[in-house]
Structure formats: structure tokens, C-alpha cells
Amino acid sequence: GMTTFGESAPAEQLFEEFGFTVDNVVAKAKALL
């Protein structure tokens, strides 16, 4: 379930904090193949 109500910051900063970077997404996708 949810443990927080959300975050406020510039999108780029939040993407980095939560792992939504190009390198991380590519690595996760490759791991699924």
C-alpha cells in the first residue's frame, strides 16, 4: 500500500530519486529479456 502522500520537487529530481533514469530503465528492460 501507499506509505507517503507524494513528493514536491522538479520532475527531473524526482525521477532520479525514484530510479526513473534512462540508464536504470534500460537496465531493468534488459534484465527482463
N, C-alpha and C. Protein backbone atom coordinates (compact mmCIF):
# COMPACT_ATOMS: atom_id res chain seq x y z
N GLY A 1 0.81 -1.18 0.00
CA GLY A 1 0.00 0.00 0.00
C GLY A 1 0.86 1.25 0.00
N MET A 2 0.21 2.35 0.00
CA MET A 2 0.90 3.64 -0.01
C MET A 2 1.50 3.94 1.36
N THR A 3 2.68 4.49 1.36
CA THR A 3 3.33 4.88 2.61
C THR A 3 3.59 6.38 2.68
N THR A 4 3.35 7.11 1.57
CA THR A 4 3.52 8.56 1.55
C THR A 4 2.39 9.18 0.74
N PHE A 5 2.25 10.50 0.84
CA PHE A 5 1.22 11.21 0.10
C PHE A 5 1.74 11.78 -1.21
N GLY A 6 3.04 11.79 -1.42
CA GLY A 6 3.60 12.35 -2.63
C GLY A 6 4.81 13.21 -2.33
N GLU A 7 5.42 13.65 -3.37
CA GLU A 7 6.63 14.47 -3.25
C GLU A 7 6.46 15.73 -4.08
N SER A 8 7.11 16.81 -3.67
CA SER A 8 7.12 18.06 -4.41
C SER A 8 8.56 18.44 -4.70
N ALA A 9 8.88 18.51 -5.98
CA ALA A 9 10.21 18.92 -6.43
C ALA A 9 10.16 18.96 -7.95
N PRO A 10 11.19 19.51 -8.57
CA PRO A 10 11.24 19.46 -10.03
C PRO A 10 11.21 18.00 -10.51
N ALA A 11 10.51 17.76 -11.60
CA ALA A 11 10.32 16.39 -12.11
C ALA A 11 11.64 15.65 -12.27
N GLU A 12 12.65 16.31 -12.84
CA GLU A 12 13.94 15.65 -13.07
C GLU A 12 14.54 15.13 -11.76
N GLN A 13 14.43 15.91 -10.71
CA GLN A 13 14.96 15.50 -9.40
C GLN A 13 14.19 14.29 -8.86
N LEU A 14 12.88 14.30 -9.01
CA LEU A 14 12.07 13.17 -8.51
C LEU A 14 12.33 11.91 -9.32
N PHE A 15 12.46 12.05 -10.64
CA PHE A 15 12.75 10.88 -11.48
C PHE A 15 14.03 10.22 -11.02
N GLU A 16 15.05 11.03 -10.76
CA GLU A 16 16.34 10.50 -10.30
C GLU A 16 16.18 9.80 -8.95
N GLU A 17 15.46 10.43 -8.03
CA GLU A 17 15.30 9.86 -6.69
C GLU A 17 14.57 8.52 -6.72
N PHE A 18 13.60 8.39 -7.62
CA PHE A 18 12.81 7.16 -7.67
C PHE A 18 13.30 6.16 -8.72
N GLY A 19 14.46 6.45 -9.34
CA GLY A 19 15.06 5.48 -10.25
C GLY A 19 14.59 5.54 -11.69
N PHE A 20 13.85 6.57 -12.07
CA PHE A 20 13.37 6.69 -13.44
C PHE A 20 14.37 7.44 -14.31
N THR A 21 15.60 6.92 -14.38
CA THR A 21 16.61 7.49 -15.26
C THR A 21 16.71 6.60 -16.49
N VAL A 22 17.23 7.15 -17.58
CA VAL A 22 17.37 6.37 -18.81
C VAL A 22 18.20 5.12 -18.54
N ASP A 23 19.33 5.27 -17.87
CA ASP A 23 20.20 4.13 -17.61
C ASP A 23 19.50 3.05 -16.79
N ASN A 24 18.76 3.45 -15.78
CA ASN A 24 18.09 2.47 -14.92
C ASN A 24 16.96 1.77 -15.66
N VAL A 25 16.18 2.52 -16.44
CA VAL A 25 15.07 1.92 -17.19
C VAL A 25 15.61 0.93 -18.22
N VAL A 26 16.69 1.30 -18.91
CA VAL A 26 17.30 0.40 -19.89
C VAL A 26 17.81 -0.86 -19.20
N ALA A 27 18.47 -0.71 -18.07
CA ALA A 27 18.99 -1.87 -17.34
C ALA A 27 17.86 -2.80 -16.91
N LYS A 28 16.77 -2.24 -16.41
CA LYS A 28 15.63 -3.07 -15.99
C LYS A 28 15.01 -3.78 -17.18
N ALA A 29 14.88 -3.08 -18.31
CA ALA A 29 14.31 -3.69 -19.51
C ALA A 29 15.18 -4.84 -20.01
N LYS A 30 16.49 -4.63 -20.03
CA LYS A 30 17.41 -5.69 -20.47
C LYS A 30 17.33 -6.90 -19.54
N ALA A 31 17.14 -6.66 -18.26
CA ALA A 31 17.05 -7.76 -17.29
C ALA A 31 15.82 -8.62 -17.55
N LEU A 32 14.79 -8.04 -18.14
CA LEU A 32 13.56 -8.78 -18.42
C LEU A 32 13.66 -9.61 -19.70
N LEU A 33 14.62 -9.29 -20.55
CA LEU A 33 14.74 -10.00 -21.83
C LEU A 33 15.55 -11.27 -21.71
